[in-house]
C-alpha atoms as a PDB file:
ATOM      1  CA  MET A   1     100.575 111.439 116.995  1.00  0.00           C
ATOM      2  CA  THR A   2      99.902 113.684 114.022  1.00  0.00           C
ATOM      3  CA  ASP A   3      97.538 112.252 111.416  1.00  0.00           C
ATOM      4  CA  ARG A   4      99.057 111.079 108.154  1.00  0.00           C
ATOM      5  CA  GLU A   5      97.199 111.467 104.883  1.00  0.00           C
ATOM      6  CA  ALA A   6      98.221 109.868 101.592  1.00  0.00           C
ATOM      7  CA  ILE A   7      98.011 112.362  98.725  1.00  0.00           C
ATOM      8  CA  VAL A   8      97.060 110.723  95.433  1.00  0.00           C
ATOM      9  CA  PRO A   9      96.159 113.204  92.674  1.00  0.00           C
ATOM     10  CA  GLU A  10      93.781 112.241  89.891  1.00  0.00           C
ATOM     11  CA  GLY A  11      95.765 110.390  87.243  1.00  0.00           C
ATOM     12  CA  MET A  12      98.285 108.968  89.740  1.00  0.00           C
ATOM     13  CA  GLU A  13      96.094 106.249  91.217  1.00  0.00           C
ATOM     14  CA  ALA A  14      98.187 103.552  89.510  1.00  0.00           C
ATOM     15  CA  VAL A  15     101.242 104.709  91.431  1.00  0.00           C
ATOM     16  CA  TYR A  16      99.450 104.120  94.727  1.00  0.00           C
ATOM     17  CA  GLU A  17      97.572 100.973  93.729  1.00  0.00           C
ATOM     18  CA  LYS A  18     100.087  99.127  91.513  1.00  0.00           C
ATOM     19  CA  ILE A  19     103.529 100.449  92.433  1.00  0.00           C
ATOM     20  CA  ARG A  20     102.381 100.855  96.060  1.00  0.00           C
ATOM     21  CA  TYR A  21     103.638 104.205  97.259  1.00  0.00           C
ATOM     22  CA  ALA A  22     101.982 107.537  97.930  1.00  0.00           C
ATOM     23  CA  PRO A  23     102.863 110.392  95.589  1.00  0.00           C
ATOM     24  CA  ALA A  24     102.956 112.422  98.822  1.00  0.00           C
ATOM     25  CA  LEU A  25     102.242 112.105 102.489  1.00  0.00           C
ATOM     26  CA  LYS A  26     100.760 115.015 104.430  1.00  0.00           C
ATOM     27  CA  VAL A  27     101.691 115.087 108.109  1.00  0.00           C
ATOM     28  CA  GLY A  28     100.272 118.113 109.882  1.00  0.00           C
ATOM     29  CA  LYS A  29     101.214 121.128 107.748  1.00  0.00           C
ATOM     30  CA  THR A  30     104.181 119.362 106.116  1.00  0.00           C
ATOM     31  CA  ILE A  31     103.937 117.603 102.763  1.00  0.00           C
ATOM     32  CA  TYR A  32     106.556 115.029 101.818  1.00  0.00           C
ATOM     33  CA  VAL A  33     106.461 114.537  98.053  1.00  0.00           C
ATOM     34  CA  SER A  34     107.871 111.327  96.593  1.00  0.00           C
ATOM     35  CA  GLY A  35     110.240 111.644  93.668  1.00  0.00           C
ATOM     36  CA  GLN A  36     108.386 112.799  90.574  1.00  0.00           C
ATOM     37  CA  ILE A  37     109.656 111.693  87.191  1.00  0.00           C
ATOM     38  CA  GLY A  38     108.856 112.719  83.633  1.00  0.00           C
ATOM     39  CA  ARG A  39     105.999 110.356  82.921  1.00  0.00           C
ATOM     40  CA  ASP A  40     102.545 111.361  81.780  1.00  0.00           C
ATOM     41  CA  ASN A  41      99.160 110.288  83.202  1.00  0.00           C
ATOM     42  CA  ALA A  42      99.293 107.162  81.027  1.00  0.00           C
ATOM     43  CA  MET A  43     102.513 106.242  82.918  1.00  0.00           C
ATOM     44  CA  GLN A  44     104.537 106.751  79.725  1.00  0.00           C
ATOM     45  CA  LEU A  45     108.024 108.276  79.599  1.00  0.00           C
ATOM     46  CA  VAL A  46     108.240 111.755  78.080  1.00  0.00           C
ATOM     47  CA  GLU A  47     111.322 111.407  75.900  1.00  0.00           C
ATOM     48  CA  ASP A  48     112.454 114.933  74.973  1.00  0.00           C
ATOM     49  CA  ARG A  49     114.904 116.122  77.670  1.00  0.00           C
ATOM     50  CA  GLU A  50     113.375 119.534  78.334  1.00  0.00           C
ATOM     51  CA  ALA A  51     109.819 118.186  78.050  1.00  0.00           C
ATOM     52  CA  GLN A  52     110.678 115.428  80.533  1.00  0.00           C
ATOM     53  CA  ILE A  53     111.930 117.959  83.091  1.00  0.00           C
ATOM     54  CA  VAL A  54     108.806 120.066  82.520  1.00  0.00           C
ATOM     55  CA  GLN A  55     106.623 116.964  83.026  1.00  0.00           C
ATOM     56  CA  ALA A  56     108.395 116.138  86.292  1.00  0.00           C
ATOM     57  CA  PHE A  57     107.689 119.681  87.543  1.00  0.00           C
ATOM     58  CA  GLU A  58     104.071 119.455  86.339  1.00  0.00           C
ATOM     59  CA  ASN A  59     103.716 116.195  88.273  1.00  0.00           C
ATOM     60  CA  LEU A  60     105.216 117.851  91.363  1.00  0.00           C
ATOM     61  CA  LYS A  61     102.808 120.760  90.940  1.00  0.00           C
ATOM     62  CA  ALA A  62      99.828 118.370  90.662  1.00  0.00           C
ATOM     63  CA  VAL A  63     100.803 116.474  93.807  1.00  0.00           C
ATOM     64  CA  LEU A  64     101.233 119.701  95.765  1.00  0.00           C
ATOM     65  CA  ALA A  65      97.874 121.030  94.513  1.00  0.00           C
ATOM     66  CA  ALA A  66      96.146 117.821  95.621  1.00  0.00           C
ATOM     67  CA  ALA A  67      97.574 118.459  99.097  1.00  0.00           C
ATOM     68  CA  GLY A  68      96.368 122.075  99.118  1.00  0.00           C
ATOM     69  CA  ALA A  69      99.841 123.498  98.475  1.00  0.00           C
ATOM     70  CA  SER A  70     101.757 125.128  95.649  1.00  0.00           C
ATOM     71  CA  LEU A  71     105.332 125.335  94.444  1.00  0.00           C
ATOM     72  CA  SER A  72     105.795 128.483  96.547  1.00  0.00           C
ATOM     73  CA  ASP A  73     105.315 126.293  99.661  1.00  0.00           C
ATOM     74  CA  VAL A  74     108.351 124.117  98.815  1.00  0.00           C
ATOM     75  CA  VAL A  75     111.125 124.477 101.409  1.00  0.00           C
ATOM     76  CA  ASP A  76     113.422 121.646 100.317  1.00  0.00           C
ATOM     77  CA  LEU A  77     114.076 120.220  96.860  1.00  0.00           C
ATOM     78  CA  THR A  78     116.183 117.146  96.100  1.00  0.00           C
ATOM     79  CA  THR A  79     116.809 116.252  92.484  1.00  0.00           C
ATOM     80  CA  PHE A  80     118.398 113.169  91.002  1.00  0.00           C
ATOM     81  CA  HIS A  81     120.059 113.331  87.582  1.00  0.00           C
ATOM     82  CA  THR A  82     121.360 110.554  85.344  1.00  0.00           C
ATOM     83  CA  ASP A  83     123.678 113.076  83.671  1.00  0.00           C
ATOM     84  CA  MET A  84     124.864 116.058  85.690  1.00  0.00           C
ATOM     85  CA  ARG A  85     125.616 117.842  82.408  1.00  0.00           C
ATOM     86  CA  ASP A  86     121.841 118.402  82.222  1.00  0.00           C
ATOM     87  CA  LEU A  87     121.988 120.770  85.217  1.00  0.00           C
ATOM     88  CA  PRO A  88     122.010 123.994  83.144  1.00  0.00           C
ATOM     89  CA  LEU A  89     118.854 122.863  81.291  1.00  0.00           C
ATOM     90  CA  PHE A  90     117.304 121.654  84.540  1.00  0.00           C
ATOM     91  CA  MET A  91     118.000 125.006  86.233  1.00  0.00           C
ATOM     92  CA  GLN A  92     116.409 126.904  83.343  1.00  0.00           C
ATOM     93  CA  VAL A  93     113.220 124.864  83.703  1.00  0.00           C
ATOM     94  CA  ARG A  94     113.350 124.955  87.513  1.00  0.00           C
ATOM     95  CA  ASP A  95     113.527 128.742  87.476  1.00  0.00           C
ATOM     96  CA  ARG A  96     110.284 128.875  85.457  1.00  0.00           C
ATOM     97  CA  TYR A  97     108.546 126.955  88.252  1.00  0.00           C
ATOM     98  CA  LEU A  98     110.288 128.155  91.411  1.00  0.00           C
ATOM     99  CA  ASP A  99     110.388 131.922  91.537  1.00  0.00           C
ATOM    100  CA  ALA A 100     109.134 132.537  95.088  1.00  0.00           C
ATOM    101  CA  HIS A 101     111.521 134.042  97.599  1.00  0.00           C
ATOM    102  CA  PRO A 102     113.154 132.854  99.598  1.00  0.00           C
ATOM    103  CA  LEU A 103     114.110 130.027  97.267  1.00  0.00           C
ATOM    104  CA  PRO A 104     113.999 126.503  98.730  1.00  0.00           C
ATOM    105  CA  ALA A 105     117.053 124.564  99.800  1.00  0.00           C
ATOM    106  CA  TRP A 106     118.249 122.340  96.937  1.00  0.00           C
ATOM    107  CA  THR A 107     120.430 119.254  96.646  1.00  0.00           C
ATOM    108  CA  ALA A 108     121.296 117.737  93.247  1.00  0.00           C
ATOM    109  CA  VAL A 109     122.522 114.142  93.168  1.00  0.00           C
ATOM    110  CA  GLY A 110     123.909 112.065  90.324  1.00  0.00           C
ATOM    111  CA  ALA A 111     122.142 108.724  89.861  1.00  0.00           C
ATOM    112  CA  HIS A 112     122.765 105.785  87.569  1.00  0.00           C
ATOM    113  CA  MET A 113     119.116 105.038  86.716  1.00  0.00           C
ATOM    114  CA  LEU A 114     115.707 106.457  87.632  1.00  0.00           C
ATOM    115  CA  GLY A 115     112.102 105.322  87.413  1.00  0.00           C
ATOM    116  CA  GLY A 116     112.932 101.630  87.080  1.00  0.00           C
ATOM    117  CA  GLN A 117     113.731 101.864  83.375  1.00  0.00           C
ATOM    118  CA  ALA A 118     116.176 103.484  80.998  1.00  0.00           C
ATOM    119  CA  GLY A 119     115.349 106.913  79.600  1.00  0.00           C
ATOM    120  CA  TYR A 120     114.386 108.862  82.702  1.00  0.00           C
ATOM    121  CA  ILE A 121     116.839 111.719  83.257  1.00  0.00           C
ATOM    122  CA  VAL A 122     115.493 113.486  86.363  1.00  0.00           C
ATOM    123  CA  GLU A 123     113.539 112.810  89.533  1.00  0.00           C
ATOM    124  CA  ILE A 124     112.298 115.615  91.799  1.00  0.00           C
ATOM    125  CA  LYS A 125     111.575 115.057  95.496  1.00  0.00           C
ATOM    126  CA  ALA A 126     110.288 117.886  97.660  1.00  0.00           C
ATOM    127  CA  VAL A 127     109.165 118.917 101.124  1.00  0.00           C
ATOM    128  CA  ALA A 128     106.569 121.676 101.412  1.00  0.00           C
ATOM    129  CA  VAL A 129     105.081 123.404 104.431  1.00  0.00           C
ATOM    130  CA  LEU A 130     101.589 124.873 104.298  1.00  0.00           C
ATOM    131  CA  PRO A 131     101.263 128.455 105.542  1.00  0.00           C
ATOM    132  CA  GLU A 132      99.628 129.053 108.928  1.00  0.00           C
END
């Protein structure tokens, strides 16, 4: 069986210890990143819509870096949105972060609520594969 390694970047220890899930799990050369939301290192919601999307991508970037990967290693992206009308704004921010080619597969899903409390507008889940 391939070894599994929990990836817990600095600043996300509370997620692992209190909420009890790994920000990512590395299995071989594949990294499965849990949904990242727009909260800062103090576990506080970032309220501005664009800033919240940016924070979710920054959190994704931090988790990938802790696993030895980068956004260019992402092969599959799943995003959850409380309001699908935010997609144009989301895509503008996404394109600042994901510019490697080929682009990853992407699925966008509407969701009633994210992050266990009102105010979160996006959650980003990803799968990345480390290069050989």
